[in-house]
Amino acid sequence: MVDVAIIGCGVIGAAAAYHLARRAVDVLILEKENDVSMGTSRANSGILHAGYGARPGTLMAEMNVRGVALAREICDALNVAYRQTGSLVLAFDDADLEQIHGLYRDGVANGVPGLEILDGGQVLAMEPNLSPQVRAALYAPSAAVVSPWEYTLAMAEDAVGNGARLELETQVTGLARIASGGWRIHTSRGDFEARFVINAAGVQADKVHEMAAPATFRTTPCRGEYYLLDKSEGGTVQRVIFQCPTRAGKGVLVAPTVHGNLIVGPNAEDIPDGEDTATTAQGLSYVAHAARRSVPALNLRASIRNFAGVRANTDGGDFIMDWAAPGLLDLAGMKSPGLSAAAAVGERAAEILRQAGLNMSEQARPTVKKKRLRFRELTALQKEELILHDPAYGRVICRCETVTEGEIIAACHAPIPPRSIDGVKRRTNAGLGRCQGGFCGPRVMEILGRELGLSPLEIPQDRAGSFLLTGRTKQGGGRCE
């Protein structure tokens, strides 16, 4: 029996594992997909919100502000791509002006540092590509952008390095109380036992809750669709550009990414299936129209990918961090700003379990600063020295992102190695660029198979079962004359 079992390894589950493992807790992480960060945590705006958007006094407000501060420390320590850009919430009319003043008051009450309301001239001086119709904006300098899947993976790898066990492709199918205390967790790969269970199952959190207790909340999956633009458009804006929020969420944004691209979206559409990440002509048309209100000259012809993510909205307005049953802690309703709040949610979850009787070290293990070699960021001399030491770094596999064979090999032997071509992309950026893996995909498959001892027929594009190859077209290897 382990101390704590965590159901789900998105950013919330990874953050909980990170904090618990650093305090010498025996942690088991159960994830139904073939990699971490496969749900909401990989398909979002990648923004660490400053914290003015949450109602003062809520868990959401408290966790957001604390989470952003922790995220900066964790990203620095674990070598996660992070960029503090600041954000602007634009006001176009009197109603918007009233709203940004309200956001300013909420932000001050929440403890958000450095908030200012700027007039239209100041805003356009900062961001000349914005609409000249902008009358004012709320400026939050503490907002940042991050690579959400790198952030999730880094915390999960740190937890594994501190003794946590990660079981992938392990779907939870039931929960049962053990008479002597603790929980028996039924999964697609057998049963596990734990003294405490954390429900961090994202859009499926209500279903996991109901495996053990009567329903107290309902998750409504909400799909948001995006454009990802080529790096040629990455300088269109320097900050995260919001419009005033609505009941549906924070609205359509335009923002730089940590990798130098531009991201545009999302819309908000409630859907019945939390796994439905299809993009639609109607949804993308709405995003395009709305985004051009902020940035009229937005060049969506430079789009290199459309994608959609699903948020875990619930029928309550706040995060859910409460006991579903004795020893079963819900971390649910982690919609935006869930990414921003994740590190603080994990920290708070560890403290809740400690107060419930979980034994843990009084002092957390120090986070050892991690190194991740990014070939494209090295100087010419550093590249030359590295190639002399390991020639694999002299073979560029992904030309768009300048990712080398050495980087892919290193990822294959990390604490949580990739199991798919897209798993390599999330770890190294190979396939993230303009051609979206059109040139490097076969080479990535070859290296992945060689390093992990797999046949090309066993390597999926992304989720388990998404195979690119089904068999050989020719047998024997004879020459064609």
Protein backbone atom coordinates (compact mmCIF):
# COMPACT_ATOMS: atom_id res chain seq x y z
CA MET A 1 0.00 0.00 0.00
CA VAL A 2 1.44 3.35 -1.05
CA ASP A 3 0.93 6.57 0.89
CA VAL A 4 -0.82 8.50 -1.88
CA ALA A 5 -2.20 7.51 -5.27
CA ILE A 6 -2.86 10.35 -7.72
CA ILE A 7 -5.40 9.77 -10.47
CA GLY A 8 -4.39 11.80 -13.51
CA CYS A 9 -1.05 13.28 -14.56
CA GLY A 10 -2.00 16.58 -16.06
CA VAL A 11 -0.48 19.70 -14.56
CA ILE A 12 -2.55 19.40 -11.34
CA GLY A 13 -1.63 15.76 -10.72
CA ALA A 14 2.01 16.44 -11.60
CA ALA A 15 2.14 19.40 -9.22
CA ALA A 16 0.69 17.33 -6.37
CA ALA A 17 3.22 14.56 -7.05
CA TYR A 18 6.04 17.12 -7.20
CA HIS A 19 5.28 18.54 -3.76
CA LEU A 20 4.56 15.20 -2.10
CA ALA A 21 7.59 13.34 -3.45
CA ARG A 22 9.90 16.14 -2.33
CA ARG A 23 8.67 15.47 1.23
CA ALA A 24 9.53 11.75 1.09
CA VAL A 25 5.95 10.57 0.53
CA ASP A 26 5.48 7.24 -1.28
CA VAL A 27 3.53 8.38 -4.38
CA LEU A 28 1.86 6.39 -7.15
CA ILE A 29 0.58 8.26 -10.24
CA LEU A 30 -2.06 6.57 -12.42
CA GLU A 31 -2.53 8.02 -15.91
CA LYS A 32 -4.86 6.53 -18.52
CA GLU A 33 -2.94 7.88 -21.52
CA ASN A 34 0.50 6.84 -22.81
CA ASP A 35 2.15 10.05 -21.63
CA VAL A 36 1.73 12.83 -19.11
CA SER A 37 0.01 16.12 -20.01
CA MET A 38 -2.33 14.57 -22.57
CA GLY A 39 -5.55 16.43 -21.77
CA THR A 40 -6.27 20.06 -20.94
CA SER A 41 -2.66 20.54 -19.82
CA ARG A 42 -1.25 20.28 -23.33
CA ALA A 43 -3.96 22.11 -25.27
CA ASN A 44 -4.39 25.57 -23.77
CA SER A 45 -3.08 29.10 -24.15
CA GLY A 46 0.10 28.45 -22.12
CA ILE A 47 -0.52 31.59 -20.06
CA LEU A 48 0.26 32.19 -16.40
CA HIS A 49 -2.45 34.70 -15.55
CA ALA A 50 -1.57 37.52 -13.17
CA GLY A 51 -4.59 36.89 -10.91
CA TYR A 52 -6.97 39.84 -11.35
CA GLY A 53 -9.64 37.71 -13.05
CA ALA A 54 -10.71 35.70 -9.99
CA ARG A 55 -13.22 36.92 -7.42
CA PRO A 56 -11.46 38.06 -4.23
CA GLY A 57 -11.73 35.60 -1.37
CA THR A 58 -12.02 32.52 -3.59
CA LEU A 59 -9.65 29.58 -3.78
CA MET A 60 -9.17 30.47 -7.42
CA ALA A 61 -7.82 33.92 -6.53
CA GLU A 62 -5.53 32.67 -3.78
CA MET A 63 -4.15 29.75 -5.79
CA ASN A 64 -3.66 31.86 -8.93
CA VAL A 65 -1.45 34.51 -7.33
CA ARG A 66 0.55 32.00 -5.28
CA GLY A 67 0.78 29.61 -8.24
CA VAL A 68 2.27 32.19 -10.61
CA ALA A 69 4.98 33.03 -8.08
CA LEU A 70 5.78 29.33 -7.56
CA ALA A 71 5.71 28.64 -11.31
CA ARG A 72 8.49 31.14 -11.92
CA GLU A 73 10.69 29.43 -9.31
CA ILE A 74 9.89 25.92 -10.58
CA CYS A 75 10.45 26.80 -14.24
CA ASP A 76 13.82 28.34 -13.37
CA ALA A 77 14.86 25.31 -11.30
CA LEU A 78 13.62 22.67 -13.72
CA ASN A 79 14.71 24.48 -16.90
CA VAL A 80 11.22 24.95 -18.35
CA ALA A 81 10.66 27.48 -21.13
CA TYR A 82 9.17 30.58 -19.44
CA ARG A 83 8.82 34.21 -20.45
CA GLN A 84 7.37 37.05 -18.39
CA THR A 85 5.56 39.12 -20.99
CA GLY A 86 2.91 40.98 -19.02
CA SER A 87 -0.66 41.21 -20.24
CA LEU A 88 -3.15 43.84 -21.41
CA VAL A 89 -6.95 43.70 -21.09
CA LEU A 90 -8.31 46.06 -23.74
CA ALA A 91 -11.23 48.44 -23.33
CA PHE A 92 -13.06 49.64 -26.46
CA ASP A 93 -16.11 51.39 -24.94
CA ASP A 94 -17.60 52.67 -21.70
CA ALA A 95 -18.76 49.23 -20.58
CA ASP A 96 -15.26 47.86 -21.09
CA LEU A 97 -13.77 50.79 -19.16
CA GLU A 98 -16.01 50.02 -16.22
CA GLN A 99 -15.02 46.36 -16.40
CA ILE A 100 -11.25 46.92 -16.43
CA HIS A 101 -11.58 49.20 -13.41
CA GLY A 102 -13.42 46.37 -11.66
CA LEU A 103 -10.66 43.92 -12.65
CA TYR A 104 -8.11 46.38 -11.29
CA ARG A 105 -9.88 46.50 -7.92
CA ASP A 106 -10.12 42.71 -7.80
CA GLY A 107 -6.46 42.36 -8.72
CA VAL A 108 -5.36 44.74 -5.98
CA ALA A 109 -7.52 42.85 -3.47
CA ASN A 110 -5.95 39.58 -4.64
CA GLY A 111 -2.42 40.92 -4.19
CA VAL A 112 -1.45 41.12 -7.87
CA PRO A 113 1.69 43.27 -8.15
CA GLY A 114 2.21 46.24 -10.44
CA LEU A 115 -1.29 46.67 -11.91
CA GLU A 116 -1.90 49.84 -13.93
CA ILE A 117 -4.67 51.27 -16.07
CA LEU A 118 -3.18 52.82 -19.20
CA ASP A 119 -4.82 55.19 -21.66
CA GLY A 120 -5.13 54.41 -25.35
CA GLY A 121 -1.99 56.32 -26.33
CA GLN A 122 0.12 54.45 -23.79
CA VAL A 123 -1.29 51.12 -24.94
CA LEU A 124 -0.60 51.79 -28.63
CA ALA A 125 2.91 52.96 -27.83
CA MET A 126 3.53 49.58 -26.18
CA GLU A 127 1.73 47.55 -28.85
CA PRO A 128 1.48 49.44 -32.16
CA ASN A 129 -0.30 46.61 -33.97
CA LEU A 130 -3.38 46.86 -31.78
CA SER A 131 -6.60 48.42 -33.00
CA PRO A 132 -6.61 52.25 -32.88
CA GLN A 133 -10.09 51.91 -31.34
CA VAL A 134 -8.52 50.87 -28.01
CA ARG A 135 -9.41 53.50 -25.38
CA ALA A 136 -7.58 52.03 -22.38
CA ALA A 137 -6.20 48.78 -20.96
CA LEU A 138 -5.43 47.05 -17.70
CA TYR A 139 -1.71 46.25 -17.63
CA ALA A 140 -0.46 43.35 -15.48
CA PRO A 141 3.34 43.02 -15.69
CA SER A 142 3.47 39.74 -13.73
CA ALA A 143 1.64 37.70 -16.39
CA ALA A 144 3.82 35.22 -18.26
CA VAL A 145 3.79 32.52 -20.90
CA VAL A 146 5.10 29.01 -20.42
CA SER A 147 5.32 25.72 -22.28
CA PRO A 148 2.47 23.88 -20.51
CA TRP A 149 3.51 20.34 -21.44
CA GLU A 150 7.15 21.01 -20.51
CA TYR A 151 5.99 22.41 -17.17
CA THR A 152 3.86 19.34 -16.47
CA LEU A 153 6.56 16.91 -17.59
CA ALA A 154 9.27 18.65 -15.56
CA MET A 155 7.28 18.39 -12.32
CA ALA A 156 6.36 14.76 -13.05
CA GLU A 157 10.00 13.88 -13.81
CA ASP A 158 11.15 15.58 -10.62
CA ALA A 159 8.59 13.53 -8.67
CA VAL A 160 9.82 10.31 -10.33
CA GLY A 161 13.39 11.31 -9.51
CA ASN A 162 12.32 11.63 -5.87
CA GLY A 163 10.82 8.14 -5.81
CA ALA A 164 7.29 8.50 -7.22
CA ARG A 165 6.05 5.70 -9.49
CA LEU A 166 4.24 6.55 -12.71
CA GLU A 167 1.94 3.99 -14.32
CA LEU A 168 0.91 5.02 -17.85
CA GLU A 169 -1.94 3.49 -19.87
CA THR A 170 -3.62 2.65 -16.58
CA GLN A 171 -7.25 3.74 -16.52
CA VAL A 172 -9.04 3.81 -13.18
CA THR A 173 -12.29 1.84 -13.34
CA GLY A 174 -13.41 1.78 -9.70
CA LEU A 175 -12.67 2.74 -6.10
CA ALA A 176 -13.43 0.71 -2.98
CA ARG A 177 -12.80 1.41 0.69
CA ILE A 178 -10.58 -1.07 2.51
CA ALA A 179 -11.96 -2.11 5.89
CA SER A 180 -8.60 -1.59 7.62
CA GLY A 181 -8.25 1.88 6.07
CA GLY A 182 -7.28 3.28 2.70
CA TRP A 183 -8.52 2.58 -0.81
CA ARG A 184 -8.36 -0.19 -3.37
CA ILE A 185 -8.13 1.28 -6.85
CA HIS A 186 -9.37 -0.91 -9.70
CA THR A 187 -7.68 -0.17 -13.03
CA SER A 188 -7.31 -1.57 -16.51
CA ARG A 189 -3.98 -3.03 -15.38
CA GLY A 190 -4.96 -4.54 -12.05
CA ASP A 191 -5.58 -3.25 -8.54
CA PHE A 192 -3.53 -0.83 -6.45
CA GLU A 193 -3.87 0.21 -2.80
CA ALA A 194 -3.25 3.57 -1.16
CA ARG A 195 -3.88 5.23 2.19
CA PHE A 196 -4.95 8.44 0.43
CA VAL A 197 -6.19 9.12 -3.09
CA ILE A 198 -6.08 12.42 -4.99
CA ASN A 199 -8.62 12.84 -7.75
CA ALA A 200 -6.90 15.00 -10.39
CA ALA A 201 -8.74 13.51 -13.37
CA GLY A 202 -9.56 16.79 -15.14
CA VAL A 203 -12.72 16.61 -17.24
CA GLN A 204 -13.36 13.13 -15.81
CA ALA A 205 -13.05 14.23 -12.17
CA ASP A 206 -16.79 14.07 -11.54
CA LYS A 207 -16.88 10.47 -12.77
CA VAL A 208 -13.98 9.49 -10.49
CA HIS A 209 -15.70 11.22 -7.57
CA GLU A 210 -18.86 9.22 -8.20
CA MET A 211 -16.93 5.94 -8.04
CA ALA A 212 -16.70 6.53 -4.29
CA ALA A 213 -19.30 9.09 -3.23
CA PRO A 214 -22.63 10.66 -4.22
CA ALA A 215 -22.41 13.37 -6.86
CA THR A 216 -21.69 16.86 -5.49
CA PHE A 217 -20.58 18.57 -8.70
CA ARG A 218 -20.92 18.10 -12.42
CA THR A 219 -18.20 18.74 -15.00
CA THR A 220 -19.27 20.45 -18.22
CA PRO A 221 -16.51 20.03 -20.83
CA CYS A 222 -15.90 23.29 -22.68
CA ARG A 223 -13.96 23.18 -25.93
CA GLY A 224 -11.74 26.02 -27.08
CA GLU A 225 -10.22 26.22 -30.58
CA TYR A 226 -6.95 27.89 -31.53
CA TYR A 227 -4.70 29.02 -34.35
CA LEU A 228 -0.96 28.56 -33.96
CA LEU A 229 0.91 30.92 -36.27
CA ASP A 230 4.39 30.59 -37.75
CA LYS A 231 7.35 32.24 -36.04
CA SER A 232 7.31 34.87 -38.78
CA GLU A 233 4.29 36.32 -36.92
CA GLY A 234 5.73 35.92 -33.43
CA GLY A 235 6.55 39.61 -33.05
CA THR A 236 3.06 40.88 -33.89
CA VAL A 237 2.50 41.54 -30.19
CA GLN A 238 4.95 41.36 -27.30
CA ARG A 239 2.41 40.83 -24.53
CA VAL A 240 -0.64 38.69 -23.90
CA ILE A 241 -3.59 40.62 -25.36
CA PHE A 242 -7.01 39.99 -23.85
CA GLN A 243 -10.43 41.45 -24.48
CA CYS A 244 -12.77 41.97 -21.55
CA PRO A 245 -13.94 38.60 -20.17
CA THR A 246 -17.48 37.29 -20.57
CA ARG A 247 -19.50 34.62 -18.79
CA ALA A 248 -17.94 32.07 -21.17
CA GLY A 249 -14.40 32.84 -20.00
CA LYS A 250 -11.48 35.14 -20.61
CA GLY A 251 -12.32 35.53 -24.28
CA VAL A 252 -10.24 35.38 -27.44
CA LEU A 253 -6.61 36.36 -26.92
CA VAL A 254 -3.57 37.00 -29.07
CA ALA A 255 -0.25 36.15 -27.45
CA PRO A 256 3.36 35.23 -28.11
CA THR A 257 4.47 31.73 -27.13
CA VAL A 258 7.69 30.77 -25.42
CA HIS A 259 8.83 29.12 -28.66
CA GLY A 260 8.48 32.31 -30.70
CA ASN A 261 5.12 31.64 -32.38
CA LEU A 262 1.84 33.51 -32.03
CA ILE A 263 -1.23 31.83 -30.54
CA VAL A 264 -4.79 33.04 -31.21
CA GLY A 265 -7.94 31.79 -29.46
CA PRO A 266 -9.95 30.27 -27.92
CA ASN A 267 -13.70 30.28 -28.36
CA ALA A 268 -15.82 28.51 -25.73
CA GLU A 269 -18.31 25.78 -26.62
CA ASP A 270 -19.88 23.38 -24.13
CA ILE A 271 -19.72 19.83 -25.48
CA PRO A 272 -21.03 16.47 -24.22
CA ASP A 273 -17.78 14.54 -24.73
CA GLY A 274 -14.73 15.64 -22.75
CA GLU A 275 -12.47 13.81 -25.22
CA ASP A 276 -13.75 15.70 -28.29
CA THR A 277 -10.89 17.94 -29.44
CA ALA A 278 -12.10 18.42 -33.02
CA THR A 279 -11.74 21.82 -34.63
CA THR A 280 -14.64 23.31 -36.56
CA ALA A 281 -15.00 25.85 -39.35
CA GLN A 282 -17.57 27.74 -37.29
CA GLY A 283 -15.40 27.87 -34.17
CA LEU A 284 -12.27 28.98 -36.01
CA SER A 285 -14.22 31.60 -37.94
CA TYR A 286 -15.45 33.04 -34.64
CA VAL A 287 -11.91 33.11 -33.25
CA ALA A 288 -10.59 34.88 -36.35
CA HIS A 289 -13.32 37.52 -36.28
CA ALA A 290 -12.97 38.18 -32.55
CA ALA A 291 -9.16 38.33 -32.58
CA ARG A 292 -9.11 40.92 -35.35
CA ARG A 293 -11.01 43.27 -33.08
CA SER A 294 -7.80 43.44 -31.02
CA VAL A 295 -5.25 43.07 -33.84
CA PRO A 296 -6.87 44.11 -37.16
CA ALA A 297 -3.90 43.12 -39.35
CA LEU A 298 -3.57 39.62 -37.85
CA ASN A 299 -2.16 37.33 -40.55
CA LEU A 300 -4.01 34.04 -40.09
CA ARG A 301 -2.69 32.84 -43.45
CA ALA A 302 0.50 32.07 -41.50
CA SER A 303 -1.29 29.42 -39.44
CA ILE A 304 0.76 26.22 -39.17
CA ARG A 305 -1.71 24.32 -36.99
CA ASN A 306 -5.21 24.46 -35.57
CA PHE A 307 -6.01 22.60 -32.39
CA ALA A 308 -8.59 22.45 -29.62
CA GLY A 309 -8.45 21.84 -25.90
CA VAL A 310 -11.19 21.01 -23.41
CA ARG A 311 -11.60 22.81 -20.08
CA ALA A 312 -13.12 21.23 -17.00
CA ASN A 313 -15.86 23.72 -16.15
CA THR A 314 -18.07 22.76 -13.23
CA ASP A 315 -21.43 23.98 -11.97
CA GLY A 316 -19.63 25.87 -9.18
CA GLY A 317 -17.68 29.06 -9.74
CA ASP A 318 -14.56 28.08 -7.81
CA PHE A 319 -11.91 25.39 -7.70
CA ILE A 320 -12.95 22.26 -5.80
CA MET A 321 -10.40 21.15 -3.20
CA ASP A 322 -12.38 19.04 -0.77
CA TRP A 323 -12.82 15.54 0.60
CA ALA A 324 -15.13 13.39 -1.52
CA ALA A 325 -14.92 10.67 1.16
CA PRO A 326 -12.47 9.91 3.98
CA GLY A 327 -9.03 9.74 2.39
CA LEU A 328 -10.21 10.76 -1.12
CA LEU A 329 -9.38 14.36 -2.02
CA ASP A 330 -10.97 16.03 -5.04
CA LEU A 331 -8.91 18.55 -7.03
CA ALA A 332 -11.57 19.38 -9.58
CA GLY A 333 -13.00 22.23 -11.62
CA MET A 334 -9.47 23.34 -12.51
CA LYS A 335 -10.50 25.49 -15.43
CA SER A 336 -8.61 28.68 -16.27
CA PRO A 337 -6.52 29.75 -14.36
CA GLY A 338 -5.76 26.10 -13.60
CA LEU A 339 -2.33 26.15 -15.28
CA SER A 340 -1.44 29.34 -13.39
CA ALA A 341 -2.61 27.92 -10.07
CA ALA A 342 -1.29 24.37 -10.45
CA ALA A 343 1.85 24.62 -8.33
CA ALA A 344 -0.08 26.24 -5.47
CA VAL A 345 -2.88 23.66 -5.75
CA GLY A 346 -0.31 20.87 -5.44
CA GLU A 347 1.29 22.60 -2.47
CA ARG A 348 -2.09 23.04 -0.75
CA ALA A 349 -3.09 19.43 -1.47
CA ALA A 350 0.06 18.20 0.27
CA GLU A 351 -0.76 20.34 3.30
CA ILE A 352 -4.36 19.06 3.41
CA LEU A 353 -3.08 15.48 3.45
CA ARG A 354 -0.54 16.30 6.16
CA GLN A 355 -3.30 17.72 8.35
CA ALA A 356 -5.30 14.53 7.72
CA GLY A 357 -2.52 12.41 9.18
CA LEU A 358 -0.19 11.66 6.28
CA ASN A 359 3.40 11.29 7.47
CA MET A 360 5.85 13.42 5.53
CA SER A 361 9.23 15.01 5.99
CA GLU A 362 9.13 18.35 7.77
CA GLN A 363 11.66 19.79 5.32
CA ALA A 364 11.15 19.46 1.60
CA ARG A 365 14.06 18.14 -0.41
CA PRO A 366 15.74 21.00 -2.28
CA THR A 367 14.90 21.23 -5.95
CA VAL A 368 18.14 20.52 -7.79
CA LYS A 369 18.48 22.86 -10.74
CA LYS A 370 18.07 20.77 -13.88
CA LYS A 371 19.94 21.21 -17.12
CA ARG A 372 18.31 20.70 -20.48
CA LEU A 373 20.50 21.03 -23.51
CA ARG A 374 18.83 23.02 -26.30
CA PHE A 375 21.24 22.90 -29.24
CA ARG A 376 19.68 25.86 -31.06
CA GLU A 377 20.34 28.14 -28.07
CA LEU A 378 24.08 27.39 -27.85
CA THR A 379 26.86 29.62 -29.17
CA ALA A 380 28.84 28.47 -32.20
CA LEU A 381 31.77 27.51 -29.96
CA GLN A 382 29.53 25.55 -27.58
CA LYS A 383 27.99 23.68 -30.53
CA GLU A 384 31.42 22.81 -31.89
CA GLU A 385 32.62 21.50 -28.52
CA LEU A 386 29.43 19.49 -28.01
CA ILE A 387 29.66 17.84 -31.43
CA LEU A 388 33.29 16.88 -30.78
CA HIS A 389 32.16 15.22 -27.55
CA ASP A 390 29.06 13.56 -29.07
CA PRO A 391 28.67 13.55 -32.88
CA ALA A 392 24.92 12.86 -32.56
CA TYR A 393 24.50 16.55 -31.75
CA GLY A 394 25.93 17.35 -35.17
CA ARG A 395 23.02 15.69 -36.99
CA VAL A 396 20.03 18.03 -37.25
CA ILE A 397 16.81 15.99 -37.46
CA CYS A 398 14.20 18.77 -37.27
CA ARG A 399 15.25 21.61 -39.55
CA CYS A 400 12.39 23.94 -38.60
CA GLU A 401 13.33 23.95 -34.91
CA THR A 402 17.02 22.92 -35.22
CA VAL A 403 16.61 19.82 -33.07
CA THR A 404 19.45 17.32 -33.18
CA GLU A 405 19.65 13.57 -32.90
CA GLY A 406 21.52 13.98 -29.62
CA GLU A 407 18.58 15.83 -28.06
CA ILE A 408 16.13 13.14 -29.17
CA ILE A 409 18.38 10.38 -27.80
CA ALA A 410 18.62 12.22 -24.47
CA ALA A 411 14.81 12.47 -24.30
CA CYS A 412 14.49 8.74 -24.95
CA HIS A 413 16.55 8.02 -21.84
CA ALA A 414 14.96 10.58 -19.51
CA PRO A 415 13.05 9.53 -16.35
CA ILE A 416 9.77 9.58 -18.33
CA PRO A 417 10.71 8.66 -21.91
CA PRO A 418 8.38 9.37 -24.85
CA ARG A 419 6.25 6.55 -26.24
CA SER A 420 5.15 8.31 -29.43
CA ILE A 421 6.37 10.67 -32.14
CA ASP A 422 4.39 13.53 -30.57
CA GLY A 423 5.91 12.58 -27.21
CA VAL A 424 9.30 13.42 -28.72
CA LYS A 425 7.85 16.69 -30.03
CA ARG A 426 6.69 17.73 -26.57
CA ARG A 427 10.13 17.03 -25.12
CA THR A 428 12.41 18.42 -27.82
CA ASN A 429 10.28 20.59 -30.20
CA ALA A 430 11.01 18.22 -33.11
CA GLY A 431 7.92 18.53 -35.30
CA LEU A 432 6.63 21.70 -33.65
CA GLY A 433 7.71 24.03 -36.45
CA ARG A 434 6.51 25.17 -39.84
CA CYS A 435 6.30 21.75 -41.51
CA GLN A 436 4.71 20.11 -38.44
CA GLY A 437 6.89 17.01 -38.68
CA GLY A 438 6.46 16.49 -42.40
CA PHE A 439 10.22 16.12 -42.92
CA CYS A 440 11.50 14.93 -39.54
CA GLY A 441 8.69 12.56 -38.55
CA PRO A 442 10.15 9.41 -40.20
CA ARG A 443 13.60 10.08 -38.72
CA VAL A 444 12.11 10.66 -35.26
CA MET A 445 10.28 7.32 -35.58
CA GLU A 446 13.53 5.60 -36.58
CA ILE A 447 15.46 7.03 -33.61
CA LEU A 448 12.65 6.34 -31.16
CA GLY A 449 12.43 2.73 -32.30
CA ARG A 450 16.18 2.22 -32.12
CA GLU A 451 16.58 3.74 -28.65
CA LEU A 452 13.56 2.04 -27.09
CA GLY A 453 13.91 -1.27 -28.92
CA LEU A 454 10.58 -0.96 -30.73
CA SER A 455 9.42 -1.88 -34.20
CA PRO A 456 8.10 1.02 -36.32
CA LEU A 457 4.78 -0.86 -36.23
CA GLU A 458 4.66 -0.32 -32.45
CA ILE A 459 5.22 3.44 -32.47
CA PRO A 460 2.10 5.65 -32.49
CA GLN A 461 1.86 9.21 -33.68
CA ASP A 462 0.34 10.32 -30.38
CA ARG A 463 -2.14 8.42 -28.21
CA ALA A 464 -1.95 4.65 -27.91
CA GLY A 465 -3.28 3.07 -31.09
CA SER A 466 -2.65 6.06 -33.40
CA PHE A 467 -0.27 4.05 -35.57
CA LEU A 468 1.15 5.42 -38.80
CA LEU A 469 2.33 2.07 -40.14
CA THR A 470 0.32 -1.13 -40.35
CA GLY A 471 2.72 -3.45 -42.17
CA ARG A 472 5.28 -3.83 -44.92
CA THR A 473 4.30 -3.30 -48.54
CA LYS A 474 7.15 -5.48 -49.78
CA GLN A 475 8.89 -8.49 -48.25
CA GLY A 476 12.35 -9.95 -48.74
CA GLY A 477 14.43 -6.86 -49.39
CA GLY A 478 15.26 -7.70 -53.04
CA ARG A 479 16.26 -4.94 -55.48
CA CYS A 480 13.85 -3.51 -58.04
CA GLU A 481 15.37 -3.58 -61.54
